[in-house]
């Protein structure tokens, strides 16, 4: 009886919301393995870091910590200087933050590239994303497409 009461309290506490925002539950395709070298040498340095996906961009009206640093179901670390690459391969082991970002972004990819949240959210195709980060025909969008299409 005591165990049942404890379980009920735990369930209530974890499902009551406590004033939080539903950040979505899309978890991608777990068996879709995307090229880590392409991520570290192209996606992170040409999309994630310069588009300020983690900290947000105050010049675009983003508040401090308002983006993927802590207010998202896809938490991203702020990598100011991505690991340098030569011929499409990192020159050294990517940092723990870069590896964490790779895992987080890979989980937001889907086999249907054009429906993938990794593409639909920053391009504004998904209206629930706070703002459009780049256009569907931009270099950034094409980098994401290429990364997902190369997945095995």
N, C-alpha and C. Protein backbone atom coordinates (compact mmCIF):
# COMPACT_ATOMS: atom_id res chain seq x y z
N UNK A 1 0.82 -1.19 0.00
CA UNK A 1 0.00 0.00 0.00
C UNK A 1 0.87 1.26 0.00
N UNK A 2 1.89 1.28 0.85
CA UNK A 2 2.78 2.44 0.91
C UNK A 2 3.53 2.60 -0.42
N UNK A 3 3.95 1.49 -1.01
CA UNK A 3 4.65 1.54 -2.29
C UNK A 3 3.75 2.10 -3.38
N UNK A 4 2.48 1.69 -3.37
CA UNK A 4 1.53 2.19 -4.37
C UNK A 4 1.31 3.69 -4.21
N UNK A 5 1.24 4.16 -2.99
CA UNK A 5 1.06 5.60 -2.74
C UNK A 5 2.29 6.38 -3.21
N UNK A 6 3.48 5.84 -2.95
CA UNK A 6 4.71 6.51 -3.39
C UNK A 6 4.77 6.58 -4.91
N UNK A 7 4.37 5.50 -5.58
CA UNK A 7 4.36 5.49 -7.04
C UNK A 7 3.37 6.50 -7.58
N UNK A 8 2.20 6.62 -6.95
CA UNK A 8 1.19 7.58 -7.39
C UNK A 8 1.70 9.01 -7.24
N UNK A 9 2.37 9.29 -6.14
CA UNK A 9 2.93 10.64 -5.92
C UNK A 9 4.01 10.93 -6.96
N UNK A 10 4.86 9.97 -7.21
CA UNK A 10 5.92 10.14 -8.21
C UNK A 10 5.31 10.39 -9.58
N UNK A 11 4.30 9.62 -9.97
CA UNK A 11 3.65 9.81 -11.25
C UNK A 11 3.04 11.20 -11.36
N UNK A 12 2.35 11.63 -10.31
CA UNK A 12 1.70 12.94 -10.30
C UNK A 12 2.74 14.05 -10.43
N UNK A 13 3.84 13.93 -9.72
CA UNK A 13 4.88 14.95 -9.75
C UNK A 13 5.53 15.04 -11.12
N UNK A 14 5.70 13.92 -11.79
CA UNK A 14 6.37 13.94 -13.09
C UNK A 14 5.45 14.25 -14.24
N UNK A 15 4.15 14.19 -14.04
CA UNK A 15 3.23 14.45 -15.15
C UNK A 15 2.46 15.75 -14.98
N UNK A 16 2.64 16.45 -13.88
CA UNK A 16 1.85 17.66 -13.65
C UNK A 16 2.32 18.85 -14.45
N UNK A 17 3.53 18.80 -15.02
CA UNK A 17 3.99 19.89 -15.85
C UNK A 17 4.76 20.94 -15.08
N UNK A 18 4.34 21.27 -13.91
CA UNK A 18 5.03 22.26 -13.06
C UNK A 18 5.31 23.55 -13.81
N UNK A 19 4.42 23.95 -14.69
CA UNK A 19 4.58 25.21 -15.39
C UNK A 19 5.58 25.16 -16.53
N UNK A 20 5.91 23.99 -17.02
CA UNK A 20 6.88 23.90 -18.11
C UNK A 20 6.17 23.93 -19.45
N UNK A 21 6.93 24.14 -20.49
CA UNK A 21 6.41 24.16 -21.85
C UNK A 21 6.68 22.82 -22.49
N UNK A 22 5.71 22.30 -23.23
CA UNK A 22 5.92 21.05 -23.95
C UNK A 22 6.88 21.33 -25.10
N UNK A 23 8.05 20.70 -25.05
CA UNK A 23 9.08 20.95 -26.04
C UNK A 23 9.09 19.93 -27.16
N UNK A 24 8.11 19.05 -27.17
CA UNK A 24 8.03 18.05 -28.23
C UNK A 24 8.74 16.78 -27.86
N UNK A 25 8.44 15.73 -28.59
CA UNK A 25 9.01 14.44 -28.26
C UNK A 25 9.67 13.76 -29.45
N UNK A 26 9.84 14.45 -30.58
CA UNK A 26 10.45 13.81 -31.73
C UNK A 26 11.85 13.32 -31.39
N UNK A 27 12.10 12.06 -31.64
CA UNK A 27 13.41 11.50 -31.32
C UNK A 27 14.11 10.92 -32.53
N UNK A 28 13.66 11.21 -33.71
CA UNK A 28 14.34 10.77 -34.91
C UNK A 28 14.30 9.27 -35.13
N UNK A 29 15.21 8.83 -35.94
CA UNK A 29 15.31 7.42 -36.28
C UNK A 29 16.59 6.91 -35.64
N UNK A 30 16.45 6.07 -34.64
CA UNK A 30 17.61 5.65 -33.87
C UNK A 30 18.63 4.84 -34.67
N UNK A 31 18.21 4.23 -35.77
CA UNK A 31 19.18 3.45 -36.54
C UNK A 31 19.76 4.24 -37.71
N UNK A 32 19.44 5.51 -37.82
CA UNK A 32 19.98 6.36 -38.87
C UNK A 32 21.32 6.90 -38.38
N UNK A 33 22.41 6.41 -38.95
CA UNK A 33 23.74 6.83 -38.54
C UNK A 33 24.27 7.84 -39.54
N UNK A 34 24.41 9.07 -39.10
CA UNK A 34 24.89 10.13 -39.97
C UNK A 34 26.40 10.29 -39.80
N UNK A 35 27.06 10.68 -40.86
CA UNK A 35 28.51 10.80 -40.91
C UNK A 35 29.03 11.80 -39.87
N UNK A 36 29.76 11.33 -38.87
CA UNK A 36 30.27 12.25 -37.85
C UNK A 36 31.31 13.22 -38.41
N UNK A 37 32.13 12.78 -39.36
CA UNK A 37 33.13 13.68 -39.92
C UNK A 37 32.47 14.85 -40.65
N UNK A 38 31.41 14.57 -41.40
CA UNK A 38 30.69 15.64 -42.09
C UNK A 38 30.08 16.61 -41.06
N UNK A 39 29.59 16.04 -39.97
CA UNK A 39 29.04 16.91 -38.93
C UNK A 39 30.12 17.83 -38.36
N UNK A 40 31.23 17.23 -37.90
CA UNK A 40 32.28 18.01 -37.23
C UNK A 40 32.97 18.99 -38.17
N UNK A 41 33.07 18.64 -39.44
CA UNK A 41 33.81 19.48 -40.38
C UNK A 41 32.93 20.41 -41.21
N UNK A 42 31.62 20.16 -41.25
CA UNK A 42 30.74 20.99 -42.08
C UNK A 42 29.54 21.52 -41.29
N UNK A 43 28.76 20.63 -40.70
CA UNK A 43 27.52 21.07 -40.02
C UNK A 43 27.82 21.98 -38.84
N UNK A 44 28.67 21.54 -37.92
CA UNK A 44 28.97 22.36 -36.73
C UNK A 44 29.60 23.70 -37.12
N UNK A 45 30.68 23.72 -37.92
CA UNK A 45 31.33 25.01 -38.21
C UNK A 45 30.59 25.91 -39.21
N UNK A 46 29.71 25.36 -40.04
CA UNK A 46 29.04 26.19 -41.04
C UNK A 46 27.57 26.44 -40.75
N UNK A 47 26.99 25.69 -39.81
CA UNK A 47 25.57 25.89 -39.48
C UNK A 47 25.39 26.15 -37.99
N UNK A 48 25.69 25.16 -37.15
CA UNK A 48 25.38 25.25 -35.72
C UNK A 48 26.07 26.45 -35.05
N UNK A 49 27.38 26.59 -35.25
CA UNK A 49 28.12 27.68 -34.58
C UNK A 49 27.79 29.05 -35.17
N UNK A 50 27.93 29.26 -36.49
CA UNK A 50 27.68 30.62 -37.00
C UNK A 50 26.23 31.08 -36.92
N UNK A 51 25.28 30.14 -36.93
CA UNK A 51 23.88 30.53 -36.83
C UNK A 51 23.44 30.68 -35.38
N UNK A 52 24.37 30.45 -34.46
CA UNK A 52 24.17 30.64 -33.01
C UNK A 52 22.99 29.81 -32.50
N UNK A 53 22.95 28.55 -32.93
CA UNK A 53 21.85 27.66 -32.56
C UNK A 53 21.76 27.40 -31.06
N UNK A 54 22.88 27.40 -30.38
CA UNK A 54 22.84 27.17 -28.93
C UNK A 54 22.47 28.43 -28.16
N UNK A 55 23.29 29.49 -28.22
CA UNK A 55 23.00 30.65 -27.37
C UNK A 55 21.91 31.56 -27.90
N UNK A 56 21.62 31.46 -29.19
CA UNK A 56 20.68 32.40 -29.79
C UNK A 56 21.43 33.62 -30.30
N UNK A 57 20.71 34.46 -31.01
CA UNK A 57 21.31 35.65 -31.61
C UNK A 57 20.56 36.88 -31.13
N UNK A 58 21.16 37.64 -30.19
CA UNK A 58 20.48 38.84 -29.67
C UNK A 58 20.10 39.84 -30.76
N UNK A 59 20.89 39.89 -31.85
CA UNK A 59 20.56 40.83 -32.92
C UNK A 59 19.27 40.45 -33.65
N UNK A 60 18.81 39.20 -33.44
CA UNK A 60 17.56 38.73 -34.03
C UNK A 60 16.43 38.68 -33.00
N UNK A 61 16.70 39.23 -31.81
CA UNK A 61 15.68 39.28 -30.77
C UNK A 61 15.68 38.10 -29.81
N UNK A 62 16.67 37.22 -29.92
CA UNK A 62 16.74 36.08 -29.01
C UNK A 62 17.24 36.55 -27.65
N UNK A 63 16.54 36.15 -26.60
CA UNK A 63 16.97 36.46 -25.25
C UNK A 63 18.11 35.55 -24.82
N UNK A 64 18.76 35.91 -23.76
CA UNK A 64 19.86 35.11 -23.24
C UNK A 64 19.36 33.72 -22.86
N UNK A 65 20.01 32.70 -23.38
CA UNK A 65 19.62 31.33 -23.08
C UNK A 65 18.27 30.93 -23.65
N UNK A 66 17.80 31.66 -24.66
CA UNK A 66 16.45 31.41 -25.18
C UNK A 66 16.39 30.35 -26.26
N UNK A 67 17.52 29.87 -26.70
CA UNK A 67 17.48 28.92 -27.81
C UNK A 67 17.87 27.52 -27.34
N UNK A 68 18.72 26.86 -28.06
CA UNK A 68 19.01 25.45 -27.78
C UNK A 68 20.02 25.23 -26.65
N UNK A 69 20.40 26.29 -25.95
CA UNK A 69 21.31 26.09 -24.81
C UNK A 69 20.56 25.49 -23.63
N UNK A 70 19.27 25.78 -23.49
CA UNK A 70 18.54 25.19 -22.36
C UNK A 70 17.02 25.22 -22.50
N UNK A 71 16.47 25.79 -23.54
CA UNK A 71 15.01 25.89 -23.65
C UNK A 71 14.47 25.08 -24.82
N UNK A 72 15.00 23.90 -24.99
CA UNK A 72 14.63 23.11 -26.14
C UNK A 72 14.72 21.63 -25.81
N UNK A 73 14.01 20.83 -26.58
CA UNK A 73 14.17 19.38 -26.42
C UNK A 73 15.47 18.92 -27.07
N UNK A 74 16.12 19.78 -27.85
CA UNK A 74 17.41 19.48 -28.46
C UNK A 74 18.44 20.44 -27.86
N UNK A 75 19.01 20.06 -26.73
CA UNK A 75 19.99 20.91 -26.07
C UNK A 75 21.31 20.84 -26.82
N UNK A 76 21.86 22.02 -27.12
CA UNK A 76 23.15 22.12 -27.80
C UNK A 76 24.11 22.95 -26.97
N UNK A 77 25.36 22.52 -26.93
CA UNK A 77 26.40 23.29 -26.26
C UNK A 77 26.87 24.39 -27.20
N UNK A 78 27.31 25.49 -26.64
CA UNK A 78 27.84 26.60 -27.43
C UNK A 78 29.30 26.30 -27.74
N UNK A 79 29.59 25.94 -28.96
CA UNK A 79 30.96 25.64 -29.40
C UNK A 79 31.44 26.86 -30.19
N UNK A 80 32.27 27.67 -29.54
CA UNK A 80 32.73 28.90 -30.18
C UNK A 80 33.74 28.64 -31.29
N UNK A 81 34.60 27.66 -31.08
CA UNK A 81 35.63 27.34 -32.07
C UNK A 81 35.60 25.85 -32.35
N UNK A 82 34.92 25.44 -33.42
CA UNK A 82 34.87 24.01 -33.75
C UNK A 82 36.26 23.45 -34.04
N UNK A 83 36.40 22.16 -33.84
CA UNK A 83 37.66 21.46 -34.12
C UNK A 83 38.04 21.65 -35.58
N UNK A 84 39.29 22.08 -35.85
CA UNK A 84 39.72 22.23 -37.24
C UNK A 84 39.74 20.89 -37.97
N UNK A 85 39.55 20.95 -39.28
CA UNK A 85 39.51 19.74 -40.11
C UNK A 85 40.44 19.89 -41.31
N UNK A 86 40.89 18.77 -41.82
CA UNK A 86 41.65 18.71 -43.06
C UNK A 86 41.07 17.58 -43.90
N UNK A 87 40.76 17.89 -45.14
CA UNK A 87 40.20 16.90 -46.06
C UNK A 87 38.98 16.18 -45.49
N UNK A 88 38.10 16.94 -44.83
CA UNK A 88 36.85 16.38 -44.33
C UNK A 88 36.96 15.52 -43.09
N UNK A 89 38.09 15.61 -42.39
CA UNK A 89 38.28 14.83 -41.16
C UNK A 89 38.83 15.75 -40.06
N UNK A 90 38.31 15.62 -38.84
CA UNK A 90 38.83 16.44 -37.74
C UNK A 90 40.33 16.20 -37.53
N UNK A 91 41.07 17.27 -37.24
CA UNK A 91 42.50 17.16 -36.99
C UNK A 91 42.81 16.55 -35.63
N UNK A 92 41.83 16.57 -34.74
CA UNK A 92 41.97 15.97 -33.42
C UNK A 92 40.59 15.49 -32.97
N UNK A 93 40.54 14.87 -31.82
CA UNK A 93 39.27 14.38 -31.30
C UNK A 93 38.36 15.57 -31.01
N UNK A 94 37.14 15.58 -31.55
CA UNK A 94 36.20 16.66 -31.23
C UNK A 94 35.95 16.73 -29.72
N UNK A 95 35.65 17.92 -29.25
CA UNK A 95 35.41 18.13 -27.82
C UNK A 95 34.15 17.38 -27.37
N UNK A 96 34.01 17.24 -26.08
CA UNK A 96 32.81 16.60 -25.52
C UNK A 96 31.56 17.37 -25.94
N UNK A 97 31.64 18.70 -25.97
CA UNK A 97 30.49 19.51 -26.40
C UNK A 97 30.13 19.24 -27.85
N UNK A 98 31.13 19.11 -28.72
CA UNK A 98 30.85 18.82 -30.12
C UNK A 98 30.24 17.43 -30.27
N UNK A 99 30.75 16.46 -29.52
CA UNK A 99 30.20 15.10 -29.59
C UNK A 99 28.76 15.08 -29.09
N UNK A 100 28.48 15.84 -28.04
CA UNK A 100 27.12 15.93 -27.51
C UNK A 100 26.19 16.57 -28.55
N UNK A 101 26.66 17.61 -29.23
CA UNK A 101 25.86 18.27 -30.27
C UNK A 101 25.59 17.32 -31.43
N UNK A 102 26.60 16.54 -31.80
CA UNK A 102 26.42 15.55 -32.88
C UNK A 102 25.29 14.59 -32.51
N UNK A 103 25.34 14.05 -31.30
CA UNK A 103 24.31 13.10 -30.87
C UNK A 103 22.93 13.76 -30.85
N UNK A 104 22.84 14.97 -30.33
CA UNK A 104 21.55 15.66 -30.24
C UNK A 104 20.96 15.95 -31.61
N UNK A 105 21.80 16.42 -32.53
CA UNK A 105 21.27 16.75 -33.86
C UNK A 105 20.94 15.49 -34.66
N UNK A 106 21.75 14.46 -34.52
CA UNK A 106 21.47 13.22 -35.25
C UNK A 106 20.11 12.65 -34.85
N UNK A 107 19.74 12.80 -33.59
CA UNK A 107 18.45 12.28 -33.13
C UNK A 107 17.26 13.10 -33.66
N UNK A 108 17.51 14.26 -34.26
CA UNK A 108 16.43 15.08 -34.80
C UNK A 108 16.32 14.92 -36.32
N UNK A 109 17.07 13.98 -36.85
CA UNK A 109 17.01 13.72 -38.30
C UNK A 109 16.01 12.61 -38.57
N UNK A 110 15.43 12.63 -39.75
CA UNK A 110 14.55 11.54 -40.15
C UNK A 110 14.88 11.16 -41.59
N UNK A 111 14.48 9.96 -41.96
CA UNK A 111 14.76 9.50 -43.32
C UNK A 111 14.06 10.36 -44.38
N UNK A 112 12.94 10.96 -44.02
CA UNK A 112 12.25 11.90 -44.91
C UNK A 112 12.90 13.26 -44.67
N UNK A 113 13.92 13.55 -45.45
CA UNK A 113 14.75 14.74 -45.24
C UNK A 113 13.92 16.01 -45.13
N UNK A 114 12.99 16.21 -46.04
CA UNK A 114 12.22 17.46 -46.06
C UNK A 114 11.27 17.59 -44.87
N UNK A 115 10.96 16.48 -44.21
CA UNK A 115 10.09 16.52 -43.02
C UNK A 115 10.90 16.45 -41.73
N UNK A 116 12.20 16.36 -41.84
CA UNK A 116 13.05 16.24 -40.67
C UNK A 116 13.03 17.53 -39.84
N UNK A 117 12.77 17.44 -38.53
CA UNK A 117 12.79 18.64 -37.69
C UNK A 117 14.13 19.38 -37.75
N UNK A 118 15.19 18.66 -38.03
CA UNK A 118 16.50 19.30 -38.16
C UNK A 118 16.52 20.30 -39.32
N UNK A 119 15.63 20.11 -40.29
CA UNK A 119 15.51 21.02 -41.42
C UNK A 119 14.27 21.91 -41.29
N UNK A 120 13.14 21.35 -40.87
CA UNK A 120 11.89 22.14 -40.85
C UNK A 120 11.87 23.20 -39.75
N UNK A 121 12.54 22.96 -38.64
CA UNK A 121 12.52 23.95 -37.56
C UNK A 121 13.29 25.23 -37.91
N UNK A 122 14.57 25.15 -38.26
CA UNK A 122 15.29 26.40 -38.52
C UNK A 122 14.89 27.10 -39.81
N UNK A 123 14.23 26.41 -40.72
CA UNK A 123 13.79 27.05 -41.97
C UNK A 123 12.40 27.66 -41.86
N UNK A 124 11.76 27.50 -40.71
CA UNK A 124 10.45 28.08 -40.50
C UNK A 124 9.31 27.28 -41.11
N UNK A 125 9.61 26.11 -41.68
CA UNK A 125 8.55 25.26 -42.23
C UNK A 125 7.65 24.77 -41.09
N UNK A 126 8.25 24.49 -39.95
CA UNK A 126 7.49 24.11 -38.76
C UNK A 126 7.11 25.40 -38.03
N UNK A 127 5.84 25.77 -38.03
CA UNK A 127 5.44 27.04 -37.43
C UNK A 127 5.59 27.10 -35.91
N UNK A 128 5.84 25.97 -35.26
CA UNK A 128 5.99 26.01 -33.81
C UNK A 128 7.40 26.43 -33.39
N UNK A 129 8.35 26.48 -34.33
CA UNK A 129 9.70 26.95 -34.01
C UNK A 129 9.62 28.46 -33.82
N UNK A 130 10.30 29.01 -32.82
CA UNK A 130 10.15 30.44 -32.50
C UNK A 130 10.41 31.41 -33.64
N UNK A 131 11.39 31.10 -34.50
CA UNK A 131 11.64 31.99 -35.63
C UNK A 131 12.39 31.25 -36.73
N UNK A 132 12.35 31.82 -37.91
CA UNK A 132 13.08 31.28 -39.05
C UNK A 132 14.54 31.70 -38.91
N UNK A 133 15.44 30.72 -38.98
CA UNK A 133 16.87 31.00 -38.84
C UNK A 133 17.52 31.18 -40.21
N UNK A 134 17.13 30.34 -41.16
CA UNK A 134 17.64 30.45 -42.53
C UNK A 134 16.60 29.91 -43.49
N UNK A 135 16.75 30.25 -44.76
CA UNK A 135 15.79 29.90 -45.80
C UNK A 135 15.94 28.44 -46.24
N UNK A 136 14.87 27.89 -46.76
CA UNK A 136 14.89 26.49 -47.22
C UNK A 136 15.87 26.27 -48.38
N UNK A 137 16.23 27.32 -49.09
CA UNK A 137 17.16 27.18 -50.21
C UNK A 137 18.57 27.66 -49.86
N UNK A 138 18.82 27.95 -48.60
CA UNK A 138 20.11 28.48 -48.17
C UNK A 138 21.21 27.41 -48.17
N UNK A 139 22.44 27.87 -48.11
CA UNK A 139 23.57 26.94 -47.98
C UNK A 139 23.43 26.09 -46.72
N UNK A 140 22.97 26.70 -45.63
CA UNK A 140 22.81 25.96 -44.37
C UNK A 140 21.80 24.82 -44.53
N UNK A 141 20.67 25.11 -45.17
CA UNK A 141 19.65 24.06 -45.38
C UNK A 141 20.22 22.95 -46.26
N UNK A 142 20.97 23.32 -47.27
CA UNK A 142 21.55 22.31 -48.16
C UNK A 142 22.60 21.46 -47.46
N UNK A 143 23.34 22.05 -46.53
CA UNK A 143 24.31 21.29 -45.74
C UNK A 143 23.58 20.24 -44.89
N UNK A 144 22.49 20.65 -44.26
CA UNK A 144 21.71 19.71 -43.44
C UNK A 144 21.13 18.60 -44.33
N UNK A 145 20.58 18.97 -45.48
CA UNK A 145 20.06 17.95 -46.40
C UNK A 145 21.13 16.94 -46.79
N UNK A 146 22.28 17.46 -47.17
CA UNK A 146 23.36 16.58 -47.61
C UNK A 146 23.78 15.64 -46.48
N UNK A 147 23.86 16.15 -45.26
CA UNK A 147 24.25 15.32 -44.13
C UNK A 147 23.24 14.19 -43.92
N UNK A 148 21.96 14.53 -43.94
CA UNK A 148 20.92 13.51 -43.71
C UNK A 148 20.88 12.52 -44.87
N UNK A 149 20.98 13.00 -46.08
CA UNK A 149 20.92 12.11 -47.25
C UNK A 149 22.10 11.13 -47.28
N UNK A 150 23.20 11.50 -46.67
CA UNK A 150 24.37 10.63 -46.63
C UNK A 150 24.28 9.59 -45.54
N UNK A 151 23.24 9.68 -44.70
CA UNK A 151 23.06 8.72 -43.61
C UNK A 151 22.83 7.32 -44.15
N UNK A 152 23.29 6.34 -43.41
CA UNK A 152 23.10 4.95 -43.86
C UNK A 152 22.14 4.21 -42.96
